[in-house]
PDB file of N, CA and C in Angstrom:
ATOM      1  N   MET A   1      97.247  78.518 137.318  1.00  0.00           N
ATOM      2  CA  MET A   1      98.285  78.304 138.293  1.00  0.00           C
ATOM      3  C   MET A   1      98.163  79.358 139.381  1.00  0.00           C
ATOM      4  N   GLU A   2      98.415  78.929 140.597  1.00  0.00           N
ATOM      5  CA  GLU A   2      98.377  79.833 141.737  1.00  0.00           C
ATOM      6  C   GLU A   2      99.737  79.802 142.432  1.00  0.00           C
ATOM      7  N   THR A   3     100.266  80.978 142.780  1.00  0.00           N
ATOM      8  CA  THR A   3     101.498  81.049 143.561  1.00  0.00           C
ATOM      9  C   THR A   3     101.182  81.718 144.888  1.00  0.00           C
ATOM     10  N   ILE A   4     101.717  81.133 145.949  1.00  0.00           N
ATOM     11  CA  ILE A   4     101.464  81.643 147.289  1.00  0.00           C
ATOM     12  C   ILE A   4     102.804  81.879 147.975  1.00  0.00           C
ATOM     13  N   PRO A   5     103.169  83.148 148.189  1.00  0.00           N
ATOM     14  CA  PRO A   5     104.413  83.425 148.925  1.00  0.00           C
ATOM     15  C   PRO A   5     104.310  82.882 150.349  1.00  0.00           C
ATOM     16  N   ARG A   6     105.362  82.264 150.812  1.00  0.00           N
ATOM     17  CA  ARG A   6     105.415  81.737 152.176  1.00  0.00           C
ATOM     18  C   ARG A   6     106.564  82.432 152.902  1.00  0.00           C
ATOM     19  N   ASN A   7     106.195  83.314 153.821  1.00  0.00           N
ATOM     20  CA  ASN A   7     107.159  84.085 154.590  1.00  0.00           C
ATOM     21  C   ASN A   7     106.862  83.953 156.069  1.00  0.00           C
ATOM     22  N   PRO A   8     107.183  82.813 156.674  1.00  0.00           N
ATOM     23  CA  PRO A   8     106.906  82.670 158.099  1.00  0.00           C
ATOM     24  C   PRO A   8     107.696  83.696 158.908  1.00  0.00           C
ATOM     25  N   THR A   9     107.137  84.085 160.049  1.00  0.00           N
ATOM     26  CA  THR A   9     107.806  85.065 160.900  1.00  0.00           C
ATOM     27  C   THR A   9     108.176  84.502 162.260  1.00  0.00           C
ATOM     28  N   ASP A  10     107.607  83.371 162.642  1.00  0.00           N
ATOM     29  CA  ASP A  10     107.927  82.755 163.929  1.00  0.00           C
ATOM     30  C   ASP A  10     109.108  81.805 163.785  1.00  0.00           C
ATOM     31  N   GLY A  11     110.121  82.038 164.591  1.00  0.00           N
ATOM     32  CA  GLY A  11     111.252  81.124 164.643  1.00  0.00           C
ATOM     33  C   GLY A  11     112.203  81.192 163.474  1.00  0.00           C
ATOM     34  N   ILE A  12     112.110  82.238 162.656  1.00  0.00           N
ATOM     35  CA  ILE A  12     112.998  82.382 161.503  1.00  0.00           C
ATOM     36  C   ILE A  12     113.282  83.865 161.291  1.00  0.00           C
ATOM     37  N   TYR A  13     114.412  84.149 160.717  1.00  0.00           N
ATOM     38  CA  TYR A  13     114.772  85.541 160.422  1.00  0.00           C
ATOM     39  C   TYR A  13     113.820  86.106 159.373  1.00  0.00           C
ATOM     40  N   ALA A  14     113.644  87.397 159.394  1.00  0.00           N
ATOM     41  CA  ALA A  14     112.720  88.048 158.463  1.00  0.00           C
ATOM     42  C   ALA A  14     113.316  88.110 157.061  1.00  0.00           C
ATOM     43  N   ALA A  15     112.475  87.923 156.067  1.00  0.00           N
ATOM     44  CA  ALA A  15     112.881  88.128 154.675  1.00  0.00           C
ATOM     45  C   ALA A  15     112.977  89.629 154.434  1.00  0.00           C
ATOM     46  N   THR A  16     113.850  90.032 153.542  1.00  0.00           N
ATOM     47  CA  THR A  16     113.934  91.445 153.180  1.00  0.00           C
ATOM     48  C   THR A  16     112.852  91.764 152.153  1.00  0.00           C
ATOM     49  N   ASP A  17     112.739  93.024 151.792  1.00  0.00           N
ATOM     50  CA  ASP A  17     111.677  93.458 150.883  1.00  0.00           C
ATOM     51  C   ASP A  17     111.816  92.942 149.460  1.00  0.00           C
ATOM     52  N   ASP A  18     112.987  92.383 149.094  1.00  0.00           N
ATOM     53  CA  ASP A  18     113.185  92.007 147.691  1.00  0.00           C
ATOM     54  C   ASP A  18     113.111  90.502 147.423  1.00  0.00           C
ATOM     55  N   TYR A  19     112.703  89.703 148.423  1.00  0.00           N
ATOM     56  CA  TYR A  19     112.527  88.267 148.168  1.00  0.00           C
ATOM     57  C   TYR A  19     111.574  87.679 149.201  1.00  0.00           C
ATOM     58  N   VAL A  20     111.167  86.437 148.975  1.00  0.00           N
ATOM     59  CA  VAL A  20     110.377  85.674 149.946  1.00  0.00           C
ATOM     60  C   VAL A  20     111.147  84.406 150.275  1.00  0.00           C
ATOM     61  N   HIS A  21     110.851  83.838 151.452  1.00  0.00           N
ATOM     62  CA  HIS A  21     111.536  82.604 151.846  1.00  0.00           C
ATOM     63  C   HIS A  21     111.159  81.438 150.939  1.00  0.00           C
ATOM     64  N   ALA A  22     109.908  81.352 150.538  1.00  0.00           N
ATOM     65  CA  ALA A  22     109.454  80.211 149.739  1.00  0.00           C
ATOM     66  C   ALA A  22     108.258  80.622 148.886  1.00  0.00           C
ATOM     67  N   MET A  23     108.033  79.871 147.829  1.00  0.00           N
ATOM     68  CA  MET A  23     106.893  80.107 146.953  1.00  0.00           C
ATOM     69  C   MET A  23     106.190  78.772 146.723  1.00  0.00           C
ATOM     70  N   GLU A  24     104.967  78.671 147.179  1.00  0.00           N
ATOM     71  CA  GLU A  24     104.162  77.486 146.912  1.00  0.00           C
ATOM     72  C   GLU A  24     103.511  77.667 145.544  1.00  0.00           C
ATOM     73  N   VAL A  25     103.604  76.651 144.704  1.00  0.00           N
ATOM     74  CA  VAL A  25     103.012  76.690 143.368  1.00  0.00           C
ATOM     75  C   VAL A  25     101.939  75.614 143.307  1.00  0.00           C
ATOM     76  N   ARG A  26     100.712  76.027 142.993  1.00  0.00           N
ATOM     77  CA  ARG A  26      99.591  75.082 142.882  1.00  0.00           C
ATOM     78  C   ARG A  26      99.044  75.110 141.457  1.00  0.00           C
ATOM     79  N   GLY A  27      98.740  73.955 140.942  1.00  0.00           N
ATOM     80  CA  GLY A  27      98.072  73.858 139.650  1.00  0.00           C
ATOM     81  C   GLY A  27      98.951  74.157 138.454  1.00  0.00           C
ATOM     82  N   ALA A  28     100.253  74.076 138.608  1.00  0.00           N
ATOM     83  CA  ALA A  28     101.138  74.315 137.462  1.00  0.00           C
ATOM     84  C   ALA A  28     101.102  73.104 136.534  1.00  0.00           C
ATOM     85  N   ALA A  29     100.940  73.364 135.267  1.00  0.00           N
ATOM     86  CA  ALA A  29     100.933  72.293 134.282  1.00  0.00           C
ATOM     87  C   ALA A  29     102.317  72.106 133.655  1.00  0.00           C
ATOM     88  N   ARG A  30     103.138  73.164 133.725  1.00  0.00           N
ATOM     89  CA  ARG A  30     104.459  73.112 133.097  1.00  0.00           C
ATOM     90  C   ARG A  30     105.497  73.759 134.005  1.00  0.00           C
ATOM     91  N   LEU A  31     106.700  73.207 133.997  1.00  0.00           N
ATOM     92  CA  LEU A  31     107.849  73.805 134.668  1.00  0.00           C
ATOM     93  C   LEU A  31     108.936  74.015 133.627  1.00  0.00           C
ATOM     94  N   LEU A  32     109.650  75.128 133.745  1.00  0.00           N
ATOM     95  CA  LEU A  32     110.765  75.428 132.851  1.00  0.00           C
ATOM     96  C   LEU A  32     111.985  75.692 133.718  1.00  0.00           C
ATOM     97  N   PHE A  33     113.032  74.900 133.522  1.00  0.00           N
ATOM     98  CA  PHE A  33     114.278  75.055 134.258  1.00  0.00           C
ATOM     99  C   PHE A  33     115.282  75.720 133.312  1.00  0.00           C
ATOM    100  N   VAL A  34     115.662  76.949 133.632  1.00  0.00           N
ATOM    101  CA  VAL A  34     116.549  77.725 132.762  1.00  0.00           C
ATOM    102  C   VAL A  34     117.969  77.619 133.289  1.00  0.00           C
ATOM    103  N   ALA A  35     118.875  77.187 132.436  1.00  0.00           N
ATOM    104  CA  ALA A  35     120.291  77.071 132.783  1.00  0.00           C
ATOM    105  C   ALA A  35     120.842  78.440 133.175  1.00  0.00           C
ATOM    106  N   GLY A  36     121.970  78.424 133.839  1.00  0.00           N
ATOM    107  CA  GLY A  36     122.639  79.681 134.148  1.00  0.00           C
ATOM    108  C   GLY A  36     122.810  80.497 132.883  1.00  0.00           C
ATOM    109  N   THR A  37     122.325  81.724 132.931  1.00  0.00           N
ATOM    110  CA  THR A  37     122.315  82.594 131.757  1.00  0.00           C
ATOM    111  C   THR A  37     123.274  83.747 131.989  1.00  0.00           C
ATOM    112  N   MET A  38     124.168  83.972 131.040  1.00  0.00           N
ATOM    113  CA  MET A  38     125.189  85.002 131.181  1.00  0.00           C
ATOM    114  C   MET A  38     124.791  86.278 130.431  1.00  0.00           C
ATOM    115  N   GLY A  39     125.551  87.312 130.684  1.00  0.00           N
ATOM    116  CA  GLY A  39     125.340  88.600 130.024  1.00  0.00           C
ATOM    117  C   GLY A  39     126.070  88.661 128.699  1.00  0.00           C
ATOM    118  N   LEU A  40     125.677  87.775 127.792  1.00  0.00           N
ATOM    119  CA  LEU A  40     126.301  87.699 126.465  1.00  0.00           C
ATOM    120  C   LEU A  40     125.324  88.208 125.413  1.00  0.00           C
ATOM    121  N   ASP A  41     125.865  88.874 124.388  1.00  0.00           N
ATOM    122  CA  ASP A  41     125.010  89.331 123.289  1.00  0.00           C
ATOM    123  C   ASP A  41     124.766  88.174 122.325  1.00  0.00           C
ATOM    124  N   ALA A  42     124.051  88.433 121.249  1.00  0.00           N
ATOM    125  CA  ALA A  42     123.670  87.379 120.294  1.00  0.00           C
ATOM    126  C   ALA A  42     124.885  86.719 119.636  1.00  0.00           C
ATOM    127  N   GLN A  43     126.026  87.407 119.628  1.00  0.00           N
ATOM    128  CA  GLN A  43     127.249  86.836 119.058  1.00  0.00           C
ATOM    129  C   GLN A  43     128.098  86.139 120.115  1.00  0.00           C
ATOM    130  N   GLY A  44     127.596  86.087 121.361  1.00  0.00           N
ATOM    131  CA  GLY A  44     128.321  85.412 122.426  1.00  0.00           C
ATOM    132  C   GLY A  44     129.363  86.263 123.123  1.00  0.00           C
ATOM    133  N   ARG A  45     129.324  87.575 122.901  1.00  0.00           N
ATOM    134  CA  ARG A  45     130.276  88.487 123.532  1.00  0.00           C
ATOM    135  C   ARG A  45     129.691  89.035 124.833  1.00  0.00           C
ATOM    136  N   PRO A  46     130.477  89.052 125.914  1.00  0.00           N
ATOM    137  CA  PRO A  46     129.965  89.600 127.171  1.00  0.00           C
ATOM    138  C   PRO A  46     129.869  91.119 127.114  1.00  0.00           C
ATOM    139  N   GLY A  47     128.889  91.660 127.839  1.00  0.00           N
ATOM    140  CA  GLY A  47     128.799  93.105 127.978  1.00  0.00           C
ATOM    141  C   GLY A  47     130.067  93.621 128.633  1.00  0.00           C
ATOM    142  N   ALA A  48     130.426  94.860 128.329  1.00  0.00           N
ATOM    143  CA  ALA A  48     131.686  95.428 128.808  1.00  0.00           C
ATOM    144  C   ALA A  48     131.655  95.791 130.289  1.00  0.00           C
ATOM    145  N   THR A  49     130.467  96.035 130.827  1.00  0.00           N
ATOM    146  CA  THR A  49     130.340  96.446 132.226  1.00  0.00           C
ATOM    147  C   THR A  49     129.347  95.544 132.944  1.00  0.00           C
ATOM    148  N   LEU A  50     129.350  95.632 134.257  1.00  0.00           N
ATOM    149  CA  LEU A  50     128.380  94.870 135.044  1.00  0.00           C
ATOM    150  C   LEU A  50     126.959  95.254 134.655  1.00  0.00           C
ATOM    151  N   ALA A  51     126.694  96.538 134.516  1.00  0.00           N
ATOM    152  CA  ALA A  51     125.344  97.001 134.147  1.00  0.00           C
ATOM    153  C   ALA A  51     124.923  96.436 132.792  1.00  0.00           C
ATOM    154  N   GLU A  52     125.828  96.440 131.820  1.00  0.00           N
ATOM    155  CA  GLU A  52     125.507  95.890 130.494  1.00  0.00           C
ATOM    156  C   GLU A  52     125.233  94.390 130.585  1.00  0.00           C
ATOM    157  N   GLN A  53     126.031  93.678 131.366  1.00  0.00           N
ATOM    158  CA  GLN A  53     125.818  92.236 131.488  1.00  0.00           C
ATOM    159  C   GLN A  53     124.485  91.934 132.159  1.00  0.00           C
ATOM    160  N   LEU A  54     124.132  92.686 133.197  1.00  0.00           N
ATOM    161  CA  LEU A  54     122.843  92.451 133.854  1.00  0.00           C
ATOM    162  C   LEU A  54     121.685  92.724 132.898  1.00  0.00           C
ATOM    163  N   GLU A  55     121.804  93.758 132.094  1.00  0.00           N
ATOM    164  CA  GLU A  55     120.752  94.044 131.099  1.00  0.00           C
ATOM    165  C   GLU A  55     120.651  92.904 130.087  1.00  0.00           C
ATOM    166  N   LEU A  56     121.795  92.429 129.598  1.00  0.00           N
ATOM    167  CA  LEU A  56     121.794  91.315 128.648  1.00  0.00           C
ATOM    168  C   LEU A  56     121.236  90.043 129.284  1.00  0.00           C
ATOM    169  N   ILE A  57     121.596  89.776 130.531  1.00  0.00           N
ATOM    170  CA  ILE A  57     121.082  88.584 131.211  1.00  0.00           C
ATOM    171  C   ILE A  57     119.564  88.606 131.223  1.00  0.00           C
ATOM    172  N   TRP A  58     118.984  89.730 131.648  1.00  0.00           N
ATOM    173  CA  TRP A  58     117.528  89.784 131.737  1.00  0.00           C
ATOM    174  C   TRP A  58     116.874  89.762 130.363  1.00  0.00           C
ATOM    175  N   ASP A  59     117.513  90.352 129.345  1.00  0.00           N
ATOM    176  CA  ASP A  59     117.001  90.237 127.972  1.00  0.00           C
ATOM    177  C   ASP A  59     117.026  88.768 127.537  1.00  0.00           C
ATOM    178  N   ASN A  60     118.125  88.067 127.852  1.00  0.00           N
ATOM    179  CA  ASN A  60     118.254  86.661 127.475  1.00  0.00           C
ATOM    180  C   ASN A  60     117.236  85.798 128.216  1.00  0.00           C
ATOM    181  N   ILE A  61     117.033  86.061 129.500  1.00  0.00           N
ATOM    182  CA  ILE A  61     116.041  85.302 130.264  1.00  0.00           C
ATOM    183  C   ILE A  61     114.652  85.528 129.676  1.00  0.00           C
ATOM    184  N   ARG A  62     114.323  86.780 129.356  1.00  0.00           N
ATOM    185  CA  ARG A  62     113.003  87.055 128.754  1.00  0.00           C
ATOM    186  C   ARG A  62     112.837  86.317 127.430  1.00  0.00           C
ATOM    187  N   ALA A  63     113.890  86.241 126.618  1.00  0.00           N
ATOM    188  CA  ALA A  63     113.814  85.528 125.335  1.00  0.00           C
ATOM    189  C   ALA A  63     113.606  84.032 125.556  1.00  0.00           C
ATOM    190  N   ILE A  64     114.314  83.466 126.522  1.00  0.00           N
ATOM    191  CA  ILE A  64     114.164  82.038 126.811  1.00  0.00           C
ATOM    192  C   ILE A  64     112.751  81.752 127.317  1.00  0.00           C
ATOM    193  N   LEU A  65     112.268  82.580 128.240  1.00  0.00           N
ATOM    194  CA  LEU A  65     110.903  82.402 128.752  1.00  0.00           C
ATOM    195  C   LEU A  65     109.886  82.522 127.620  1.00  0.00           C
ATOM    196  N   ALA A  66     110.049  83.512 126.754  1.00  0.00           N
ATOM    197  CA  ALA A  66     109.115  83.720 125.645  1.00  0.00           C
ATOM    198  C   ALA A  66     109.070  82.506 124.731  1.00  0.00           C
ATOM    199  N   SER A  67     110.207  81.817 124.570  1.00  0.00           N
ATOM    200  CA  SER A  67     110.222  80.630 123.704  1.00  0.00           C
ATOM    201  C   SER A  67     109.319  79.526 124.253  1.00  0.00           C
ATOM    202  N   ALA A  68     109.010  79.609 125.554  1.00  0.00           N
ATOM    203  CA  ALA A  68     108.111  78.632 126.185  1.00  0.00           C
ATOM    204  C   ALA A  68     106.742  79.248 126.466  1.00  0.00           C
ATOM    205  N   GLY A  69     106.472  80.434 125.883  1.00  0.00           N
ATOM    206  CA  GLY A  69     105.189  81.094 126.111  1.00  0.00           C
ATOM    207  C   GLY A  69     105.058  81.642 127.528  1.00  0.00           C
ATOM    208  N   MET A  70     106.182  82.006 128.133  1.00  0.00           N
ATOM    209  CA  MET A  70     106.179  82.522 129.494  1.00  0.00           C
ATOM    210  C   MET A  70     106.798  83.916 129.543  1.00  0.00           C
ATOM    211  N   THR A  71     106.647  84.559 130.703  1.00  0.00           N
ATOM    212  CA  THR A  71     107.245  85.869 130.959  1.00  0.00           C
ATOM    213  C   THR A  71     107.944  85.816 132.320  1.00  0.00           C
ATOM    214  N   VAL A  72     108.546  86.917 132.723  1.00  0.00           N
ATOM    215  CA  VAL A  72     109.161  86.962 134.053  1.00  0.00           C
ATOM    216  C   VAL A  72     108.115  86.758 135.144  1.00  0.00           C
ATOM    217  N   GLY A  73     106.854  86.965 134.836  1.00  0.00           N
ATOM    218  CA  GLY A  73     105.779  86.703 135.783  1.00  0.00           C
ATOM    219  C   GLY A  73     105.624  85.236 136.123  1.00  0.00           C
ATOM    220  N   ASN A  74     106.251  84.366 135.340  1.00  0.00           N
ATOM    221  CA  ASN A  74     106.191  82.923 135.606  1.00  0.00           C
ATOM    222  C   ASN A  74     107.360  82.426 136.454  1.00  0.00           C
ATOM    223  N   ILE A  75     108.333  83.283 136.725  1.00  0.00           N
ATOM    224  CA  ILE A  75     109.493  82.868 137.522  1.00  0.00           C
ATOM    225  C   ILE A  75     109.045  82.589 138.951  1.00  0.00           C
ATOM    226  N   VAL A  76     109.434  81.411 139.462  1.00  0.00           N
ATOM    227  CA  VAL A  76     109.088  81.044 140.838  1.00  0.00           C
ATOM    228  C   VAL A  76     110.324  80.790 141.699  1.00  0.00           C
ATOM    229  N   ARG A  77     111.514  80.837 141.115  1.00  0.00           N
ATOM    230  CA  ARG A  77     112.767  80.626 141.850  1.00  0.00           C
ATOM    231  C   ARG A  77     113.899  81.205 141.048  1.00  0.00           C
ATOM    232  N   LEU A  78     114.897  81.819 141.727  1.00  0.00           N
ATOM    233  CA  LEU A  78     116.001  82.456 141.024  1.00  0.00           C
ATOM    234  C   LEU A  78     117.283  82.298 141.830  1.00  0.00           C
ATOM    235  N   THR A  79     118.363  81.929 141.152  1.00  0.00           N
ATOM    236  CA  THR A  79     119.684  81.849 141.777  1.00  0.00           C
ATOM    237  C   THR A  79     120.661  82.671 140.949  1.00  0.00           C
ATOM    238  N   SER A  80     121.396  83.542 141.627  1.00  0.00           N
ATOM    239  CA  SER A  80     122.431  84.362 140.978  1.00  0.00           C
ATOM    240  C   SER A  80     123.802  83.884 141.423  1.00  0.00           C
ATOM    241  N   TYR A  81     124.702  83.778 140.474  1.00  0.00           N
ATOM    242  CA  TYR A  81     126.090  83.439 140.743  1.00  0.00           C
ATOM    243  C   TYR A  81     126.913  84.675 140.405  1.00  0.00           C
ATOM    244  N   LEU A  82     127.517  85.269 141.423  1.00  0.00           N
ATOM    245  CA  LEU A  82     128.266  86.514 141.265  1.00  0.00           C
ATOM    246  C   LEU A  82     129.762  86.228 141.319  1.00  0.00           C
ATOM    247  N   ARG A  83     130.503  86.789 140.408  1.00  0.00           N
ATOM    248  CA  ARG A  83     131.958  86.611 140.414  1.00  0.00           C
ATOM    249  C   ARG A  83     132.582  87.335 141.605  1.00  0.00           C
ATOM    250  N   ASP A  84     131.917  88.379 142.095  1.00  0.00           N
ATOM    251  CA  ASP A  84     132.437  89.188 143.197  1.00  0.00           C
ATOM    252  C   ASP A  84     131.266  89.619 144.074  1.00  0.00           C
ATOM    253  N   ALA A  85     131.439  89.558 145.386  1.00  0.00           N
ATOM    254  CA  ALA A  85     130.381  89.965 146.307  1.00  0.00           C
ATOM    255  C   ALA A  85     129.993  91.433 146.104  1.00  0.00           C
ATOM    256  N   ALA A  86     130.883  92.229 145.573  1.00  0.00           N
ATOM    257  CA  ALA A  86     130.596  93.642 145.322  1.00  0.00           C
ATOM    258  C   ALA A  86     129.490  93.826 144.284  1.00  0.00           C
ATOM    259  N   TYR A  87     129.139  92.779 143.552  1.00  0.00           N
ATOM    260  CA  TYR A  87     128.095  92.865 142.523  1.00  0.00           C
ATOM    261  C   TYR A  87     126.694  92.648 143.091  1.00  0.00           C
ATOM    262  N   ALA A  88     126.595  92.318 144.376  1.00  0.00           N
ATOM    263  CA  ALA A  88     125.304  91.941 144.968  1.00  0.00           C
ATOM    264  C   ALA A  88     124.257  93.041 144.862  1.00  0.00           C
ATOM    265  N   GLU A  89     124.609  94.261 145.173  1.00  0.00           N
ATOM    266  CA  GLU A  89     123.628  95.344 145.152  1.00  0.00           C
ATOM    267  C   GLU A  89     123.106  95.608 143.742  1.00  0.00           C
ATOM    268  N   ALA A  90     123.989  95.678 142.762  1.00  0.00           N
ATOM    269  CA  ALA A  90     123.564  95.908 141.376  1.00  0.00           C
ATOM    270  C   ALA A  90     122.724  94.742 140.875  1.00  0.00           C
ATOM    271  N   ASN A  91     123.101  93.521 141.232  1.00  0.00           N
ATOM    272  CA  ASN A  91     122.334  92.349 140.826  1.00  0.00           C
ATOM    273  C   ASN A  91     120.939  92.384 141.421  1.00  0.00           C
ATOM    274  N   ALA A  92     120.831  92.715 142.707  1.00  0.00           N
ATOM    275  CA  ALA A  92     119.519  92.792 143.351  1.00  0.00           C
ATOM    276  C   ALA A  92     118.664  93.879 142.712  1.00  0.00           C
ATOM    277  N   ALA A  93     119.263  95.020 142.413  1.00  0.00           N
ATOM    278  CA  ALA A  93     118.515  96.111 141.778  1.00  0.00           C
ATOM    279  C   ALA A  93     118.015  95.702 140.392  1.00  0.00           C
ATOM    280  N   ALA A  94     118.833  94.985 139.630  1.00  0.00           N
ATOM    281  CA  ALA A  94     118.419  94.523 138.299  1.00  0.00           C
ATOM    282  C   ALA A  94     117.289  93.507 138.414  1.00  0.00           C
ATOM    283  N   ARG A  95     117.378  92.617 139.406  1.00  0.00           N
ATOM    284  CA  ARG A  95     116.321  91.628 139.629  1.00  0.00           C
ATOM    285  C   ARG A  95     115.006  92.307 139.986  1.00  0.00           C
ATOM    286  N   VAL A  96     115.049  93.261 140.908  1.00  0.00           N
ATOM    287  CA  VAL A  96     113.838  93.978 141.312  1.00  0.00           C
ATOM    288  C   VAL A  96     113.255  94.738 140.113  1.00  0.00           C
ATOM    289  N   ALA A  97     114.107  95.364 139.310  1.00  0.00           N
ATOM    290  CA  ALA A  97     113.631  96.082 138.120  1.00  0.00           C
ATOM    291  C   ALA A  97     112.972  95.120 137.138  1.00  0.00           C
ATOM    292  N   ALA A  98     113.545  93.927 136.972  1.00  0.00           N
ATOM    293  CA  ALA A  98     113.008  92.958 136.020  1.00  0.00           C
ATOM    294  C   ALA A  98     111.698  92.347 136.503  1.00  0.00           C
ATOM    295  N   LEU A  99     111.597  92.082 137.805  1.00  0.00           N
ATOM    296  CA  LEU A  99     110.418  91.396 138.336  1.00  0.00           C
ATOM    297  C   LEU A  99     109.326  92.349 138.807  1.00  0.00           C
ATOM    298  N   GLY A 100     109.612  93.633 138.917  1.00  0.00           N
ATOM    299  CA  GLY A 100     108.605  94.574 139.392  1.00  0.00           C
ATOM    300  C   GLY A 100     108.217  94.257 140.818  1.00  0.00           C
ATOM    301  N   ASP A 101     106.927  94.177 141.080  1.00  0.00           N
ATOM    302  CA  ASP A 101     106.434  93.928 142.429  1.00  0.00           C
ATOM    303  C   ASP A 101     106.501  92.463 142.849  1.00  0.00           C
ATOM    304  N   ARG A 102     106.836  91.561 141.929  1.00  0.00           N
ATOM    305  CA  ARG A 102     106.892  90.132 142.273  1.00  0.00           C
ATOM    306  C   ARG A 102     108.121  89.848 143.118  1.00  0.00           C
ATOM    307  N   ARG A 103     107.937  89.099 144.156  1.00  0.00           N
ATOM    308  CA  ARG A 103     109.040  88.650 144.998  1.00  0.00           C
ATOM    309  C   ARG A 103     109.058  87.133 144.947  1.00  0.00           C
ATOM    310  N   VAL A 104     110.234  86.572 144.672  1.00  0.00           N
ATOM    311  CA  VAL A 104     110.380  85.121 144.567  1.00  0.00           C
ATOM    312  C   VAL A 104     111.524  84.672 145.470  1.00  0.00           C
ATOM    313  N   PRO A 105     111.580  83.385 145.804  1.00  0.00           N
ATOM    314  CA  PRO A 105     112.726  82.881 146.544  1.00  0.00           C
ATOM    315  C   PRO A 105     113.999  83.121 145.718  1.00  0.00           C
ATOM    316  N   THR A 106     114.990  83.664 146.366  1.00  0.00           N
ATOM    317  CA  THR A 106     116.202  84.097 145.676  1.00  0.00           C
ATOM    318  C   THR A 106     117.435  83.708 146.481  1.00  0.00           C
ATOM    319  N   THR A 107     118.452  83.266 145.787  1.00  0.00           N
ATOM    320  CA  THR A 107     119.738  82.983 146.408  1.00  0.00           C
ATOM    321  C   THR A 107     120.820  83.635 145.559  1.00  0.00           C
ATOM    322  N   ALA A 108     121.800  84.239 146.216  1.00  0.00           N
ATOM    323  CA  ALA A 108     122.973  84.776 145.523  1.00  0.00           C
ATOM    324  C   ALA A 108     124.208  84.093 146.097  1.00  0.00           C
ATOM    325  N   ILE A 109     125.056  83.616 145.216  1.00  0.00           N
ATOM    326  CA  ILE A 109     126.251  82.881 145.594  1.00  0.00           C
ATOM    327  C   ILE A 109     127.447  83.541 144.910  1.00  0.00           C
ATOM    328  N   VAL A 110     128.534  83.705 145.645  1.00  0.00           N
ATOM    329  CA  VAL A 110     129.766  84.189 145.031  1.00  0.00           C
ATOM    330  C   VAL A 110     130.534  82.961 144.553  1.00  0.00           C
ATOM    331  N   ALA A 111     130.864  82.949 143.257  1.00  0.00           N
ATOM    332  CA  ALA A 111     131.514  81.775 142.656  1.00  0.00           C
ATOM    333  C   ALA A 111     132.446  82.215 141.540  1.00  0.00           C
ATOM    334  N   GLN A 112     133.410  81.396 141.274  1.00  0.00           N
ATOM    335  CA  GLN A 112     134.281  81.648 140.136  1.00  0.00           C
ATOM    336  C   GLN A 112     133.563  81.158 138.888  1.00  0.00           C
ATOM    337  N   THR A 113     133.381  82.032 137.903  1.00  0.00           N
ATOM    338  CA  THR A 113     132.728  81.645 136.664  1.00  0.00           C
ATOM    339  C   THR A 113     133.742  80.957 135.748  1.00  0.00           C
ATOM    340  N   LEU A 114     133.241  80.227 134.760  1.00  0.00           N
ATOM    341  CA  LEU A 114     134.137  79.506 133.860  1.00  0.00           C
ATOM    342  C   LEU A 114     134.988  80.441 133.009  1.00  0.00           C
ATOM    343  N   ASP A 115     134.474  81.623 132.746  1.00  0.00           N
ATOM    344  CA  ASP A 115     135.196  82.632 131.969  1.00  0.00           C
ATOM    345  C   ASP A 115     135.269  83.888 132.832  1.00  0.00           C
ATOM    346  N   SER A 116     136.446  84.445 132.995  1.00  0.00           N
ATOM    347  CA  SER A 116     136.607  85.601 133.883  1.00  0.00           C
ATOM    348  C   SER A 116     135.855  86.834 133.399  1.00  0.00           C
ATOM    349  N   ASP A 117     135.437  86.867 132.130  1.00  0.00           N
ATOM    350  CA  ASP A 117     134.655  87.993 131.615  1.00  0.00           C
ATOM    351  C   ASP A 117     133.181  87.898 132.001  1.00  0.00           C
ATOM    352  N   TRP A 118     132.726  86.729 132.456  1.00  0.00           N
ATOM    353  CA  TRP A 118     131.335  86.551 132.879  1.00  0.00           C
ATOM    354  C   TRP A 118     131.231  86.999 134.327  1.00  0.00           C
ATOM    355  N   LEU A 119     130.563  88.117 134.576  1.00  0.00           N
ATOM    356  CA  LEU A 119     130.508  88.710 135.908  1.00  0.00           C
ATOM    357  C   LEU A 119     129.368  88.161 136.754  1.00  0.00           C
ATOM    358  N   VAL A 120     128.267  87.805 136.112  1.00  0.00           N
ATOM    359  CA  VAL A 120     127.085  87.287 136.803  1.00  0.00           C
ATOM    360  C   VAL A 120     126.467  86.217 135.916  1.00  0.00           C
ATOM    361  N   GLU A 121     125.918  85.198 136.554  1.00  0.00           N
ATOM    362  CA  GLU A 121     125.172  84.175 135.846  1.00  0.00           C
ATOM    363  C   GLU A 121     123.897  83.942 136.662  1.00  0.00           C
ATOM    364  N   ILE A 122     122.752  83.869 135.998  1.00  0.00           N
ATOM    365  CA  ILE A 122     121.484  83.705 136.700  1.00  0.00           C
ATOM    366  C   ILE A 122     120.721  82.516 136.118  1.00  0.00           C
ATOM    367  N   GLU A 123     120.224  81.665 137.029  1.00  0.00           N
ATOM    368  CA  GLU A 123     119.347  80.572 136.604  1.00  0.00           C
ATOM    369  C   GLU A 123     117.993  80.768 137.250  1.00  0.00           C
ATOM    370  N   VAL A 124     116.965  80.369 136.532  1.00  0.00           N
ATOM    371  CA  VAL A 124     115.607  80.519 137.061  1.00  0.00           C
ATOM    372  C   VAL A 124     114.807  79.244 136.850  1.00  0.00           C
ATOM    373  N   ILE A 125     113.756  79.113 137.651  1.00  0.00           N
ATOM    374  CA  ILE A 125     112.730  78.105 137.450  1.00  0.00           C
ATOM    375  C   ILE A 125     111.430  78.868 137.243  1.00  0.00           C
ATOM    376  N   ALA A 126     110.717  78.518 136.205  1.00  0.00           N
ATOM    377  CA  ALA A 126     109.435  79.164 135.895  1.00  0.00           C
ATOM    378  C   ALA A 126     108.348  78.097 135.850  1.00  0.00           C
ATOM    379  N   ALA A 127     107.122  78.507 136.153  1.00  0.00           N
ATOM    380  CA  ALA A 127     105.996  77.575 136.151  1.00  0.00           C
ATOM    381  C   ALA A 127     104.795  78.234 135.474  1.00  0.00           C
ATOM    382  N   ALA A 128     104.014  77.408 134.792  1.00  0.00           N
ATOM    383  CA  ALA A 128     102.792  77.902 134.139  1.00  0.00           C
ATOM    384  C   ALA A 128     101.699  76.863 134.269  1.00  0.00           C
TER     385      ALA A 128
END
C-alpha cells in the first residue's frame, strides 16, 4: 500500500504542521473503519481527567487496530469529537504523540457526547 499526502498550496489555505488536507491511498487491500472510541478502561469506566481519557483512547485504538493486524501507521483519516473546544490543544498533542511523524487528514468537532463523562471520542479509518 502506498499513501501520498496531498497538500495543495494554490487557492487554498495552508495546512498546519499537524495534519494534511488529504491522503491518497493506492493499492490498499483492506480498509478498517473504527467507531468513535472513548477514553474508557477495560471495565467501561472513563478516565478521571482529559489526559487519562486521551491515553485510554489511544490505547483502545491501538488494540482495535492490532485485532486487524494493523498499527497507528495504517491510519489514513481521523475525526475527533470534543465535548469542549478547550480540549483541542490536548487532543492535538495526544494525536501527534500517537502518530509520531505521520500526518493524516484530521477533523475536530465540538459535540455533545452521549455521556457527560466522555470528554473526547475519536474515530479513525485505517488501510492496509
